[in-house]
Amino acid sequence: MRFTIFCAVMLTAVQIATAQITVLQPTMESMFSVGNPITLYFGTSPTDTTVDVGQQGGPHVYDFSTVSFTLFKIDTVKQVSTIPYLASRFPGSAVTQNFAAGGDENNHNIWVFANDQLRNVGQYEQYNADSILVVHEDPYDIFMQFPIQFGGTTSITVSVIDSVFSGGVFVSDTASTIPIYTVVDGWGTLKLPGEPDRPCLRIRWYEDPEDFHAKSFRFVTNDGLIININTRNDQPDEGIIEFDGEILLFRSSTVTSVSESAVPASFTLHQNYPNPFNPSSTIQFSIPSFSFVTLKIYNLLGKEITTLVSENLTEGHYSRSWNAEGMPSGIYYYRLTTRDGQKTKTLVFTK
């Protein structure tokens, strides 16, 4: 009897000890320090549209070993004050990376560390040579609250202002007031393909009330690795979910690389994100070999709305944005055509 009680006590003690996974602010400050390269990977699940985000509580195994990760881009962290088109719009003390697909386009998330938090200041996205979207958040959204520990929660109401500029001239803006919540609701072991297991925490981020639909699951390790999976509020908090866009993996230069393939293994058209969207959404695709590529948007009647791509492209991973400003709300189609075939998916524009 005493042995049974002893074993039960020891098991409880081990579980409690294991639960004390903590991610400290210096870990993330090092990851987002100026000059540090951060690598972005896109992940594709075997089902293409669903993934298992695991359970709340712990200890659990968060198994992404069947996800195929492909290298998308490496960019060093820069101070916003050193980038003219950002310095005039965002706090100079903030930091950023450019995660556009390539060429002269720019796509920045803006971050700042303040009050034991990593906060999302806003976003800068270049649609084409003339048009840009600038997103400001007031107050800044809380991306992480330090120290990150199981059971931690945050809540904040954020005013999000989306401003569109064309040729340097202000065109329009939309404003939304959004209550946002985070809860560190899971802990355990993170499995990645070809990598040693890592302790991790699971963070669930979501918008409320019902007219805002975004939710994401974030898996954070204590050695500078973040997985982010975007979905919708109608998806469950545990188990199999439908994800919007990509499974994104951010890795600091100090973390050993996950198994990756720089050249896509197959012709892939990914679901746009966000979806539904207003006014812009990103479409990503991969081609395994040189090809003439077209990417077009159609309405429900099959009428072509716009062409996002019409050119020869080498093998690789690509990203294009569609700004639906001025279009009626509703369901649209986007179709990718290459030498390897044709694929079509739907996207939803809501005002």
Protein backbone atom coordinates (compact mmCIF):
# COMPACT_ATOMS: atom_id res chain seq x y z
CA MET A 1 0.00 0.00 0.00
CA ARG A 2 2.78 2.40 0.93
CA PHE A 3 4.60 1.52 -2.30
CA THR A 4 1.44 2.27 -4.31
CA ILE A 5 1.02 5.63 -2.60
CA PHE A 6 4.72 6.37 -3.09
CA CYS A 7 4.46 5.59 -6.84
CA ALA A 8 1.37 7.77 -7.20
CA VAL A 9 3.10 10.65 -5.41
CA MET A 10 6.23 10.24 -7.55
CA LEU A 11 4.18 10.11 -10.75
CA THR A 12 2.38 13.31 -9.77
CA ALA A 13 5.69 14.96 -8.91
CA VAL A 14 7.19 13.97 -12.27
CA GLN A 15 4.15 15.32 -14.14
CA ILE A 16 4.30 18.62 -12.23
CA ALA A 17 8.03 18.91 -12.84
CA THR A 18 7.62 18.15 -16.52
CA ALA A 19 4.89 20.77 -16.74
CA GLN A 20 7.27 23.51 -15.71
CA ILE A 21 8.38 24.28 -19.25
CA THR A 22 9.13 27.98 -19.36
CA VAL A 23 10.11 30.20 -22.27
CA LEU A 24 11.86 33.33 -21.05
CA GLN A 25 12.02 36.73 -22.68
CA PRO A 26 15.81 36.60 -23.36
CA THR A 27 15.21 33.57 -25.59
CA MET A 28 12.88 35.51 -27.85
CA GLU A 29 14.91 38.73 -27.59
CA SER A 30 17.90 36.77 -28.88
CA MET A 31 15.81 35.33 -31.72
CA PHE A 32 14.52 38.79 -32.71
CA SER A 33 17.79 40.63 -32.11
CA VAL A 34 19.05 42.93 -34.87
CA GLY A 35 21.31 41.07 -37.29
CA ASN A 36 20.06 37.60 -36.36
CA PRO A 37 18.91 35.54 -39.38
CA ILE A 38 15.44 34.06 -39.05
CA THR A 39 14.40 31.28 -41.39
CA LEU A 40 10.81 30.81 -42.51
CA TYR A 41 9.52 27.41 -43.64
CA PHE A 42 6.16 26.50 -45.16
CA GLY A 43 4.68 23.23 -43.99
CA THR A 44 2.26 21.03 -45.92
CA SER A 45 0.34 18.28 -44.16
CA PRO A 46 -0.37 14.94 -45.87
CA THR A 47 -4.07 15.90 -46.12
CA ASP A 48 -3.24 19.39 -47.52
CA THR A 49 -6.05 21.08 -45.55
CA THR A 50 -6.11 19.58 -42.04
CA VAL A 51 -3.63 19.09 -39.24
CA ASP A 52 -3.69 17.73 -35.68
CA VAL A 53 -2.97 20.56 -33.21
CA GLY A 54 -3.06 18.20 -30.23
CA GLN A 55 -4.77 18.46 -26.88
CA GLN A 56 -5.00 20.97 -24.07
CA GLY A 57 -3.25 20.21 -20.80
CA GLY A 58 -0.29 17.87 -20.73
CA PRO A 59 2.01 16.24 -21.06
CA HIS A 60 1.15 15.62 -24.72
CA VAL A 61 3.08 14.90 -27.88
CA TYR A 62 2.54 17.53 -30.58
CA ASP A 63 3.51 15.50 -33.60
CA PHE A 64 4.35 17.34 -36.83
CA SER A 65 6.77 14.66 -38.04
CA THR A 66 4.58 13.93 -41.10
CA VAL A 67 4.47 17.59 -42.16
CA SER A 68 6.66 18.40 -45.15
CA PHE A 69 8.58 21.61 -44.45
CA THR A 70 10.11 23.58 -47.30
CA LEU A 71 12.51 26.48 -46.98
CA PHE A 72 10.84 29.73 -48.03
CA LYS A 73 13.12 32.58 -47.05
CA ILE A 74 15.91 33.69 -44.73
CA ASP A 75 16.08 37.34 -43.68
CA THR A 76 18.01 39.08 -40.94
CA VAL A 77 16.23 41.05 -38.25
CA LYS A 78 16.44 44.80 -38.85
CA GLN A 79 15.57 47.84 -36.80
CA VAL A 80 12.60 49.66 -38.28
CA SER A 81 14.42 53.00 -38.05
CA THR A 82 16.92 51.80 -40.70
CA ILE A 83 14.22 51.15 -43.34
CA PRO A 84 12.86 54.44 -44.76
CA TYR A 85 9.44 53.19 -45.87
CA LEU A 86 8.88 51.71 -42.38
CA ALA A 87 10.59 54.40 -40.28
CA SER A 88 8.01 56.99 -41.28
CA ARG A 89 5.12 54.74 -40.23
CA PHE A 90 6.19 52.68 -37.20
CA PRO A 91 8.18 53.16 -33.96
CA GLY A 92 11.88 53.26 -34.73
CA SER A 93 12.71 50.97 -31.81
CA ALA A 94 10.67 48.11 -33.30
CA VAL A 95 12.22 45.28 -35.32
CA THR A 96 11.16 43.48 -38.49
CA GLN A 97 12.05 40.98 -41.22
CA ASN A 98 11.05 40.96 -44.87
CA PHE A 99 9.18 37.75 -45.71
CA ALA A 100 8.03 38.58 -49.24
CA ALA A 101 8.46 35.85 -51.84
CA GLY A 102 11.24 37.68 -53.64
CA GLY A 103 12.03 40.44 -56.09
CA ASP A 104 11.38 43.98 -54.95
CA GLU A 105 8.24 43.20 -52.95
CA ASN A 106 8.11 43.74 -49.22
CA ASN A 107 6.06 42.03 -46.54
CA HIS A 108 6.87 42.97 -42.96
CA ASN A 109 5.50 42.15 -39.56
CA ILE A 110 6.57 44.77 -37.02
CA TRP A 111 7.49 43.68 -33.47
CA VAL A 112 8.51 45.38 -30.25
CA PHE A 113 9.46 44.14 -26.78
CA ALA A 114 7.74 46.09 -23.99
CA ASN A 115 6.50 45.42 -20.46
CA ASP A 116 7.51 41.72 -20.43
CA GLN A 117 5.75 41.18 -23.73
CA LEU A 118 6.48 40.63 -27.40
CA ARG A 119 3.92 42.79 -29.17
CA ASN A 120 2.74 43.01 -32.77
CA VAL A 121 2.85 46.67 -33.82
CA GLY A 122 1.39 46.18 -37.28
CA GLN A 123 2.16 45.11 -40.82
CA TYR A 124 3.44 46.54 -44.10
CA GLU A 125 2.60 44.65 -47.30
CA GLN A 126 3.44 45.61 -50.85
CA TYR A 127 0.88 44.34 -53.38
CA ASN A 128 2.77 45.51 -56.45
CA ALA A 129 5.08 48.33 -57.54
CA ASP A 130 2.48 51.00 -56.69
CA SER A 131 0.07 49.67 -54.04
CA ILE A 132 0.73 48.95 -50.38
CA LEU A 133 -1.24 48.04 -47.28
CA VAL A 134 -0.22 49.51 -43.91
CA VAL A 135 -1.76 47.99 -40.79
CA HIS A 136 -1.57 49.73 -37.42
CA GLU A 137 -2.70 48.23 -34.12
CA ASP A 138 -3.56 50.37 -31.09
CA PRO A 139 -2.74 49.24 -28.50
CA TYR A 140 -0.28 46.70 -29.84
CA ASP A 141 -1.49 43.10 -29.91
CA ILE A 142 0.19 40.85 -27.33
CA PHE A 143 1.96 38.08 -29.25
CA MET A 144 3.66 36.61 -26.17
CA GLN A 145 3.58 37.37 -22.43
CA PHE A 146 6.78 36.52 -20.54
CA PRO A 147 7.60 34.27 -18.90
CA ILE A 148 5.53 31.91 -21.07
CA GLN A 149 4.20 29.18 -18.79
CA PHE A 150 1.34 26.71 -18.90
CA GLY A 151 -1.88 28.38 -17.73
CA GLY A 152 -0.84 31.91 -18.65
CA THR A 153 -3.53 34.12 -20.20
CA THR A 154 -3.79 37.58 -21.75
CA SER A 155 -6.67 39.68 -23.03
CA ILE A 156 -6.68 42.98 -24.88
CA THR A 157 -9.01 44.98 -27.11
CA VAL A 158 -7.18 46.24 -30.19
CA SER A 159 -8.15 48.84 -32.80
CA VAL A 160 -6.87 47.62 -36.15
CA ILE A 161 -6.62 50.20 -38.95
CA ASP A 162 -5.93 48.95 -42.49
CA SER A 163 -4.78 51.74 -44.82
CA VAL A 164 -4.30 51.31 -48.56
CA PHE A 165 -1.99 53.57 -50.59
CA SER A 166 -1.56 53.68 -54.36
CA GLY A 167 1.32 55.53 -55.95
CA GLY A 168 2.10 57.03 -52.56
CA VAL A 169 -1.40 58.51 -52.29
CA PHE A 170 -3.80 57.45 -49.56
CA VAL A 171 -6.78 55.56 -51.03
CA SER A 172 -8.88 54.19 -48.18
CA ASP A 173 -8.86 52.67 -44.74
CA THR A 174 -10.99 50.37 -42.62
CA ALA A 175 -11.02 50.19 -38.83
CA SER A 176 -12.07 47.36 -36.54
CA THR A 177 -12.14 47.03 -32.77
CA ILE A 178 -11.28 43.45 -31.86
CA PRO A 179 -11.10 41.75 -28.45
CA ILE A 180 -8.16 39.31 -28.57
CA TYR A 181 -7.29 36.55 -26.12
CA THR A 182 -4.40 34.15 -25.63
CA VAL A 183 -4.10 31.16 -23.35
CA VAL A 184 -1.11 28.87 -22.87
CA ASP A 185 -3.31 25.79 -22.81
CA GLY A 186 -0.96 22.88 -23.53
CA TRP A 187 2.54 21.58 -22.92
CA GLY A 188 4.64 18.58 -23.81
CA THR A 189 6.93 17.40 -26.59
CA LEU A 190 7.25 18.82 -30.10
CA LYS A 191 8.13 16.38 -32.89
CA LEU A 192 9.51 17.62 -36.21
CA PRO A 193 10.79 15.59 -39.18
CA GLY A 194 14.41 14.57 -38.79
CA GLU A 195 14.84 16.52 -35.54
CA PRO A 196 15.36 15.67 -31.88
CA ASP A 197 12.27 16.06 -29.73
CA ARG A 198 11.89 19.42 -27.97
CA PRO A 199 9.85 20.53 -24.95
CA CYS A 200 7.24 23.06 -26.02
CA LEU A 201 4.22 25.07 -24.97
CA ARG A 202 1.00 25.41 -26.97
CA ILE A 203 -0.55 28.89 -27.17
CA ARG A 204 -4.09 29.40 -28.47
CA TRP A 205 -4.74 32.93 -29.84
CA TYR A 206 -8.26 33.89 -30.85
CA GLU A 207 -10.51 36.83 -31.68
CA ASP A 208 -13.92 37.47 -30.19
CA PRO A 209 -16.87 38.19 -30.72
CA GLU A 210 -18.34 36.10 -33.53
CA ASP A 211 -18.02 38.67 -36.30
CA PHE A 212 -14.24 38.21 -36.11
CA HIS A 213 -13.17 34.76 -37.14
CA ALA A 214 -9.44 34.36 -36.61
CA LYS A 215 -7.78 31.78 -34.40
CA SER A 216 -4.24 30.44 -34.36
CA PHE A 217 -2.22 27.80 -32.56
CA ARG A 218 1.38 28.60 -31.68
CA PHE A 219 3.96 26.09 -30.51
CA VAL A 220 6.96 27.68 -28.81
CA THR A 221 10.18 26.03 -27.68
CA ASN A 222 12.77 27.29 -25.24
CA ASP A 223 15.51 27.31 -27.89
CA GLY A 224 13.95 29.82 -30.31
CA LEU A 225 11.52 27.98 -32.56
CA ILE A 226 7.90 28.94 -33.31
CA ILE A 227 5.23 27.08 -35.27
CA ASN A 228 2.13 29.12 -36.19
CA ILE A 229 -1.05 27.58 -37.61
CA ASN A 230 -3.86 29.93 -38.64
CA THR A 231 -7.46 28.76 -38.63
CA ARG A 232 -10.99 30.03 -37.93
CA ASN A 233 -13.01 30.38 -34.75
CA ASP A 234 -15.46 27.72 -35.91
CA GLN A 235 -12.69 25.11 -35.71
CA PRO A 236 -12.21 23.05 -32.52
CA ASP A 237 -9.67 23.90 -29.83
CA GLU A 238 -8.18 20.40 -29.94
CA GLY A 239 -7.44 17.62 -32.39
CA ILE A 240 -7.93 17.79 -36.14
CA ILE A 241 -8.60 21.28 -37.55
CA GLU A 242 -8.82 22.84 -40.99
CA PHE A 243 -6.04 25.38 -41.34
CA ASP A 244 -5.99 28.57 -43.42
CA GLY A 245 -2.93 29.16 -45.54
CA GLU A 246 0.24 27.46 -44.36
CA ILE A 247 1.79 25.79 -41.37
CA LEU A 248 4.52 28.35 -40.70
CA LEU A 249 7.76 27.53 -38.91
CA PHE A 250 10.07 30.34 -37.76
CA ARG A 251 13.55 29.26 -36.72
CA SER A 252 16.33 31.30 -35.22
CA SER A 253 19.81 30.85 -36.66
CA THR A 254 20.77 29.23 -33.36
CA VAL A 255 18.35 26.32 -33.84
CA THR A 256 19.29 23.22 -35.81
CA SER A 257 17.52 23.06 -39.16
CA VAL A 258 14.47 20.88 -39.62
CA SER A 259 14.47 18.44 -42.52
CA GLU A 260 13.75 20.54 -45.55
CA SER A 261 13.55 20.53 -49.30
CA ALA A 262 14.46 23.77 -51.08
CA VAL A 263 13.02 22.39 -54.35
CA PRO A 264 9.33 21.46 -54.12
CA ALA A 265 8.58 17.78 -54.59
CA SER A 266 5.28 18.46 -56.32
CA PHE A 267 3.01 21.05 -57.95
CA THR A 268 1.00 22.57 -55.08
CA LEU A 269 -1.61 25.31 -54.71
CA HIS A 270 -2.22 26.26 -51.10
CA GLN A 271 -5.33 27.70 -49.50
CA ASN A 272 -5.21 31.49 -49.34
CA TYR A 273 -4.82 33.21 -45.98
CA PRO A 274 -6.51 34.85 -44.29
CA ASN A 275 -9.80 33.38 -45.49
CA PRO A 276 -12.34 35.00 -45.28
CA PHE A 277 -10.43 38.25 -45.87
CA ASN A 278 -10.81 42.03 -46.18
CA PRO A 279 -9.42 43.56 -48.31
CA SER A 280 -6.35 41.44 -49.15
CA SER A 281 -5.30 37.82 -49.01
CA THR A 282 -2.12 35.90 -49.81
CA ILE A 283 -1.97 32.95 -52.20
CA GLN A 284 1.04 30.62 -52.12
CA PHE A 285 2.05 27.95 -54.59
CA SER A 286 4.98 25.69 -55.39
CA ILE A 287 6.25 24.38 -58.71
CA PRO A 288 8.84 21.57 -59.01
CA SER A 289 10.31 22.62 -62.37
CA PHE A 290 10.61 25.53 -64.81
CA SER A 291 7.22 26.40 -66.28
CA PHE A 292 5.05 29.13 -67.73
CA VAL A 293 2.65 29.92 -64.90
CA THR A 294 -0.65 31.76 -64.69
CA LEU A 295 -2.59 32.56 -61.53
CA LYS A 296 -6.00 34.13 -62.13
CA ILE A 297 -9.00 35.20 -60.07
CA TYR A 298 -12.56 34.45 -61.23
CA ASN A 299 -16.00 35.28 -59.91
CA LEU A 300 -18.79 32.73 -59.37
CA LEU A 301 -19.94 33.13 -62.96
CA GLY A 302 -16.51 32.21 -64.26
CA LYS A 303 -15.61 35.72 -65.38
CA GLU A 304 -11.92 36.51 -65.06
CA ILE A 305 -11.38 39.32 -62.53
CA THR A 306 -7.61 39.73 -62.57
CA THR A 307 -4.33 37.99 -63.38
CA LEU A 308 -1.80 37.80 -60.57
CA VAL A 309 0.86 35.79 -62.44
CA SER A 310 1.54 35.30 -66.15
CA GLU A 311 5.21 34.52 -66.67
CA ASN A 312 7.95 31.90 -66.78
CA LEU A 313 9.03 30.82 -63.28
CA THR A 314 11.81 28.55 -62.10
CA GLU A 315 11.17 25.80 -59.56
CA GLY A 316 10.45 27.13 -56.09
CA HIS A 317 7.88 28.50 -53.66
CA TYR A 318 5.94 31.65 -54.52
CA SER A 319 3.52 34.03 -52.85
CA ARG A 320 1.17 36.57 -54.38
CA SER A 321 -1.42 38.88 -52.82
CA TRP A 322 -4.81 39.90 -54.13
CA ASN A 323 -6.38 43.16 -52.99
CA ALA A 324 -10.16 42.91 -53.51
CA GLU A 325 -10.79 46.58 -52.69
CA GLY A 326 -13.79 47.76 -54.73
CA MET A 327 -15.07 44.25 -55.42
CA PRO A 328 -18.41 43.00 -54.06
CA SER A 329 -18.37 40.60 -51.12
CA GLY A 330 -18.72 36.97 -52.04
CA ILE A 331 -17.03 33.77 -53.14
CA TYR A 332 -14.28 33.89 -55.77
CA TYR A 333 -12.05 31.27 -57.38
CA TYR A 334 -8.33 31.32 -57.98
CA ARG A 335 -6.78 29.01 -60.58
CA LEU A 336 -3.12 28.09 -61.00
CA THR A 337 -2.02 26.67 -64.36
CA THR A 338 1.46 25.23 -65.02
CA ARG A 339 3.05 22.62 -67.27
CA ASP A 340 2.18 20.07 -64.57
CA GLY A 341 -1.54 20.78 -64.62
CA GLN A 342 -4.20 23.05 -63.20
CA LYS A 343 -5.60 23.52 -59.69
CA THR A 344 -8.46 25.68 -58.42
CA LYS A 345 -9.50 26.78 -54.94
CA THR A 346 -12.09 29.18 -53.50
CA LEU A 347 -11.62 32.32 -51.44
CA VAL A 348 -14.17 34.45 -49.59
CA PHE A 349 -14.16 38.26 -49.57
CA THR A 350 -16.18 39.87 -46.76
CA LYS A 351 -16.60 43.59 -46.12
